[in-house]
């Protein structure tokens, strides 16, 4: 039985900041004129938090992740990743990135796909093999090392993509709507597995989603964003317990948080649930 809502403590206490954004803005120059993707984003993400970003399409959720990863450069404000610039964090291999599509090379087996970043980084073969075994076990893919991506289901391919991002053991995991293309049953299962993975590894996770139930179920903190230019309109600290069976989604506490997220999206205009 879960404790009454008034006695539930937040799932994760905020520790040392992993990401600090202050006055962050990004404007793209295009042939049709400037496009303001992000504006005045102030946000701190603590070590070990699971933070979901939710908002309408085009609101800058993915752009913010790409700024963290040094794939886009802000035009205003500052951002630090582990106390350093995104470029320095990238060079220090401080994060793993999981994209919307698994992005596995079809001519490589699952183990060789997971090995790719390790090979690029020059790890010795013995350590590569050890890391492959460890990360595939983390995502419950032991026994599928010799399979090719086309021999696996979509959900298994995404788990392999997560294993690849975990292989070099970065403390920060960036996930850009990794389960959006999967059916609801598979998505629920992967949500459960991701929470278990987070509990075992204690990594800091930034997770983009369009699903209110997914954001509430997974997160210690939910960042609600407005339509372009993307601004942070609400930051919701979850009071759900750390142990979260799927049926917690029917609890009054869960529904209350989901209602606040939904209201934040509606007040930001332009989002259809």
Protein backbone atom coordinates (compact mmCIF):
# COMPACT_ATOMS: atom_id res chain seq x y z
CA UNK A 1 0.00 0.00 0.00
CA UNK A 2 1.23 3.48 -0.78
CA UNK A 3 1.36 6.01 2.01
CA UNK A 4 -1.29 8.75 2.02
CA UNK A 5 -0.39 11.57 -0.33
CA UNK A 6 0.34 13.95 2.55
CA UNK A 7 3.08 11.62 3.81
CA UNK A 8 4.76 10.88 0.48
CA UNK A 9 8.18 12.46 0.11
CA UNK A 10 9.55 13.54 -3.30
CA UNK A 11 11.13 10.60 -5.13
CA UNK A 12 14.58 12.19 -5.47
CA UNK A 13 16.20 14.95 -3.45
CA UNK A 14 17.92 17.60 -5.56
CA UNK A 15 21.68 17.23 -5.24
CA UNK A 16 24.57 18.82 -7.10
CA UNK A 17 23.40 20.49 -10.33
CA UNK A 18 24.15 18.56 -13.50
CA UNK A 19 22.52 21.09 -15.84
CA UNK A 20 22.18 24.81 -15.19
CA UNK A 21 20.51 27.05 -17.78
CA UNK A 22 20.14 30.78 -17.22
CA UNK A 23 18.38 33.15 -19.63
CA UNK A 24 18.91 30.57 -22.37
CA UNK A 25 17.69 31.48 -25.83
CA UNK A 26 18.21 30.16 -29.33
CA UNK A 27 17.20 31.85 -32.56
CA UNK A 28 17.72 30.09 -35.88
CA UNK A 29 18.54 32.16 -38.96
CA UNK A 30 16.51 30.91 -41.94
CA UNK A 31 15.78 32.14 -45.45
CA UNK A 32 12.31 33.15 -44.23
CA UNK A 33 13.69 35.15 -41.33
CA UNK A 34 14.69 34.36 -37.73
CA UNK A 35 12.94 31.52 -35.86
CA UNK A 36 12.90 31.86 -32.10
CA UNK A 37 13.15 28.31 -30.79
CA UNK A 38 13.94 28.97 -27.11
CA UNK A 39 13.56 32.07 -24.97
CA UNK A 40 14.57 32.94 -21.40
CA UNK A 41 14.91 29.36 -20.19
CA UNK A 42 16.00 29.17 -16.55
CA UNK A 43 16.33 25.62 -15.29
CA UNK A 44 18.44 23.55 -12.92
CA UNK A 45 18.54 19.74 -12.98
CA UNK A 46 20.08 17.96 -10.02
CA UNK A 47 22.17 14.83 -9.99
CA UNK A 48 20.06 11.67 -10.08
CA UNK A 49 16.83 13.37 -11.17
CA UNK A 50 14.52 12.01 -13.86
CA UNK A 51 13.24 15.09 -15.66
CA UNK A 52 10.64 14.98 -18.42
CA UNK A 53 10.04 17.79 -20.90
CA UNK A 54 6.53 18.09 -22.28
CA UNK A 55 4.87 20.64 -24.53
CA UNK A 56 3.36 21.11 -28.00
CA UNK A 57 5.24 20.09 -31.12
CA UNK A 58 7.85 22.68 -32.04
CA UNK A 59 8.11 24.15 -28.55
CA UNK A 60 11.85 23.51 -28.24
CA UNK A 61 11.98 20.32 -26.16
CA UNK A 62 14.33 18.54 -28.52
CA UNK A 63 16.22 21.76 -29.20
CA UNK A 64 16.97 22.09 -25.49
CA UNK A 65 18.33 18.53 -25.40
CA UNK A 66 20.45 19.30 -28.45
CA UNK A 67 21.86 22.40 -26.72
CA UNK A 68 22.83 20.25 -23.74
CA UNK A 69 24.52 17.84 -26.16
CA UNK A 70 26.36 20.64 -28.01
CA UNK A 71 24.48 19.82 -31.20
CA UNK A 72 23.02 23.35 -31.23
CA UNK A 73 24.57 26.53 -29.84
CA UNK A 74 22.45 29.04 -27.88
CA UNK A 75 22.33 32.64 -29.04
CA UNK A 76 21.50 34.02 -25.60
CA UNK A 77 22.21 33.16 -21.98
CA UNK A 78 24.34 30.40 -20.55
CA UNK A 79 24.21 26.67 -19.92
CA UNK A 80 26.54 24.43 -17.95
CA UNK A 81 26.70 20.62 -18.03
CA UNK A 82 28.51 19.17 -15.03
CA UNK A 83 29.91 22.65 -14.41
CA UNK A 84 31.42 22.96 -17.90
CA UNK A 85 30.33 24.15 -21.30
CA UNK A 86 28.30 21.73 -23.47
CA UNK A 87 31.29 21.49 -25.80
CA UNK A 88 33.62 20.50 -22.96
CA UNK A 89 30.99 18.05 -21.67
CA UNK A 90 30.74 16.48 -25.13
CA UNK A 91 34.50 16.17 -25.37
CA UNK A 92 34.52 14.60 -21.90
CA UNK A 93 31.81 12.16 -23.07
CA UNK A 94 29.62 13.24 -20.18
CA UNK A 95 26.32 12.04 -21.68
CA UNK A 96 24.64 9.33 -23.71
CA UNK A 97 21.95 10.24 -26.25
CA UNK A 98 18.95 8.10 -27.24
CA UNK A 99 17.11 9.38 -30.33
CA UNK A 100 13.49 8.94 -31.43
CA UNK A 101 14.52 6.17 -33.82
CA UNK A 102 16.82 3.42 -32.60
CA UNK A 103 19.34 4.24 -35.35
CA UNK A 104 21.01 0.83 -35.29
CA UNK A 105 23.21 -0.16 -38.23
CA UNK A 106 21.45 -3.08 -39.96
CA UNK A 107 24.72 -4.75 -41.02
CA UNK A 108 26.01 -4.89 -37.43
CA UNK A 109 24.84 -7.35 -34.81
CA UNK A 110 23.37 -5.99 -31.59
CA UNK A 111 26.64 -6.42 -29.73
CA UNK A 112 28.57 -4.67 -32.49
CA UNK A 113 26.06 -1.80 -32.50
CA UNK A 114 26.53 -1.37 -28.76
CA UNK A 115 30.29 -1.59 -29.25
CA UNK A 116 30.44 1.20 -31.86
CA UNK A 117 31.00 4.21 -29.52
CA UNK A 118 33.48 2.17 -27.48
CA UNK A 119 35.45 1.31 -30.62
CA UNK A 120 35.47 4.97 -31.67
CA UNK A 121 36.69 5.95 -28.20
CA UNK A 122 39.50 3.39 -28.38
CA UNK A 123 38.57 1.08 -25.52
CA UNK A 124 40.57 -2.17 -25.46
CA UNK A 125 38.74 -5.22 -26.81
CA UNK A 126 38.45 -6.97 -23.46
CA UNK A 127 36.83 -3.94 -21.83
CA UNK A 128 34.53 -3.50 -24.84
CA UNK A 129 33.30 -7.08 -24.40
CA UNK A 130 32.77 -6.55 -20.67
CA UNK A 131 30.80 -3.34 -21.20
CA UNK A 132 28.65 -4.93 -23.92
CA UNK A 133 27.75 -7.80 -21.62
CA UNK A 134 26.99 -5.48 -18.71
CA UNK A 135 24.82 -3.01 -20.62
CA UNK A 136 22.87 -5.66 -22.54
CA UNK A 137 22.11 -7.30 -19.18
CA UNK A 138 20.88 -3.92 -17.88
CA UNK A 139 18.30 -3.70 -20.67
CA UNK A 140 17.40 -7.41 -20.57
CA UNK A 141 18.91 -8.27 -23.95
CA UNK A 142 21.36 -10.94 -22.83
CA UNK A 143 21.19 -13.75 -25.38
CA UNK A 144 20.49 -11.44 -28.31
CA UNK A 145 24.09 -10.35 -28.87
CA UNK A 146 24.43 -12.08 -32.24
CA UNK A 147 21.05 -10.99 -33.62
CA UNK A 148 20.74 -8.27 -36.23
CA UNK A 149 18.41 -5.30 -35.67
CA UNK A 150 15.87 -6.54 -38.20
CA UNK A 151 15.50 -9.72 -36.14
CA UNK A 152 14.31 -7.76 -33.09
CA UNK A 153 11.02 -6.03 -32.30
CA UNK A 154 10.81 -2.25 -32.22
CA UNK A 155 10.88 -2.25 -28.43
CA UNK A 156 13.95 -4.47 -28.33
CA UNK A 157 15.70 -2.24 -30.85
CA UNK A 158 15.09 0.78 -28.62
CA UNK A 159 16.47 -1.15 -25.64
CA UNK A 160 19.58 -1.88 -27.71
CA UNK A 161 19.82 1.84 -28.49
CA UNK A 162 19.65 2.59 -24.75
CA UNK A 163 22.38 0.00 -24.13
CA UNK A 164 24.59 1.74 -26.70
CA UNK A 165 24.06 5.07 -24.91
CA UNK A 166 24.90 3.43 -21.57
CA UNK A 167 27.97 1.56 -22.80
CA UNK A 168 30.54 4.20 -21.89
CA UNK A 169 28.87 4.79 -18.50
CA UNK A 170 28.10 8.51 -18.72
CA UNK A 171 26.23 9.88 -15.72
CA UNK A 172 23.77 11.84 -17.90
CA UNK A 173 21.30 10.21 -20.29
CA UNK A 174 19.43 12.34 -22.84
CA UNK A 175 16.34 10.66 -24.33
CA UNK A 176 14.39 12.27 -27.16
CA UNK A 177 10.94 10.65 -27.20
CA UNK A 178 12.41 7.15 -27.52
CA UNK A 179 9.09 5.29 -27.13
CA UNK A 180 6.82 7.56 -29.17
CA UNK A 181 6.48 5.21 -32.15
CA UNK A 182 5.69 2.11 -30.07
CA UNK A 183 2.27 0.71 -29.22
CA UNK A 184 0.83 1.31 -25.76
CA UNK A 185 1.49 -2.17 -24.37
CA UNK A 186 5.16 -2.13 -25.39
CA UNK A 187 5.49 1.46 -24.22
CA UNK A 188 4.14 0.59 -20.76
CA UNK A 189 6.59 -2.29 -20.49
CA UNK A 190 9.54 -0.13 -21.50
CA UNK A 191 8.46 2.60 -19.07
CA UNK A 192 8.63 0.03 -16.26
CA UNK A 193 12.02 -1.19 -17.44
CA UNK A 194 13.37 2.35 -17.75
CA UNK A 195 12.39 3.12 -14.15
CA UNK A 196 14.13 -0.07 -13.02
CA UNK A 197 17.21 0.89 -15.03
CA UNK A 198 17.23 4.37 -13.52
CA UNK A 199 16.93 2.93 -10.01
CA UNK A 200 19.87 0.58 -10.62
CA UNK A 201 22.18 3.10 -12.28
CA UNK A 202 21.22 6.35 -10.47
CA UNK A 203 21.88 8.30 -13.67
CA UNK A 204 20.44 11.73 -14.36
CA UNK A 205 17.87 11.41 -17.16
CA UNK A 206 16.39 14.14 -19.39
CA UNK A 207 13.41 12.71 -21.26
CA UNK A 208 11.31 14.33 -24.01
CA UNK A 209 7.73 13.11 -24.38
CA UNK A 210 4.32 14.17 -25.69
CA UNK A 211 2.51 11.83 -23.29
CA UNK A 212 1.16 13.24 -20.02
CA UNK A 213 0.82 9.78 -18.34
CA UNK A 214 4.36 8.86 -19.42
CA UNK A 215 5.80 12.10 -18.05
CA UNK A 216 4.02 11.74 -14.72
CA UNK A 217 4.80 8.04 -14.34
CA UNK A 218 8.53 8.35 -15.02
CA UNK A 219 9.58 11.66 -13.59
CA UNK A 220 10.81 13.22 -10.40
CA UNK A 221 10.31 16.58 -12.11
CA UNK A 222 8.20 17.61 -15.10
CA UNK A 223 9.10 20.67 -17.15
CA UNK A 224 6.12 22.13 -19.04
CA UNK A 225 7.01 24.25 -22.07
CA UNK A 226 5.04 26.79 -24.09
CA UNK A 227 4.67 26.98 -27.87
CA UNK A 228 7.50 28.65 -29.81
CA UNK A 229 9.46 30.40 -28.64
CA UNK A 230 9.87 27.67 -26.06
CA UNK A 231 9.69 28.89 -22.48
CA UNK A 232 9.42 26.99 -19.22
CA UNK A 233 5.90 27.71 -17.97
CA UNK A 234 5.82 25.29 -15.04
CA UNK A 235 8.17 22.95 -13.18
CA UNK A 236 6.29 20.25 -11.30
CA UNK A 237 8.09 18.29 -8.60
CA UNK A 238 6.54 14.83 -8.32
CA UNK A 239 5.42 13.57 -4.92
CA UNK A 240 4.96 10.00 -6.14
CA UNK A 241 6.95 7.31 -4.29
CA UNK A 242 10.09 5.94 -5.87
CA UNK A 243 8.49 2.50 -6.36
CA UNK A 244 5.86 2.94 -9.08
CA UNK A 245 3.80 -0.01 -10.29
CA UNK A 246 1.76 0.75 -13.40
CA UNK A 247 -1.47 0.84 -11.42
CA UNK A 248 -0.21 3.94 -9.59
CA UNK A 249 -1.56 5.77 -12.63
CA UNK A 250 -5.05 5.27 -11.20
CA UNK A 251 -4.17 6.83 -7.83
CA UNK A 252 -5.50 10.27 -6.78
CA UNK A 253 -1.93 11.57 -6.39
CA UNK A 254 -1.03 10.59 -9.97
CA UNK A 255 -4.24 12.06 -11.39
CA UNK A 256 -3.67 15.30 -9.49
CA UNK A 257 -0.18 15.73 -10.97
CA UNK A 258 -1.47 14.83 -14.45
CA UNK A 259 -4.21 17.45 -14.10
CA UNK A 260 -1.63 20.11 -13.25
CA UNK A 261 0.46 19.15 -16.30
CA UNK A 262 -2.62 19.25 -18.51
CA UNK A 263 -3.64 22.64 -17.16
CA UNK A 264 -0.12 23.97 -17.74
CA UNK A 265 -0.24 22.81 -21.35
CA UNK A 266 -3.66 24.34 -21.93
CA UNK A 267 -2.72 27.65 -20.36
CA UNK A 268 0.31 27.74 -22.68
CA UNK A 269 -2.10 27.58 -25.66
CA UNK A 270 -2.00 25.47 -28.78
CA UNK A 271 -1.68 22.00 -27.24
CA UNK A 272 -4.26 19.32 -27.82
CA UNK A 273 -4.16 16.43 -25.34
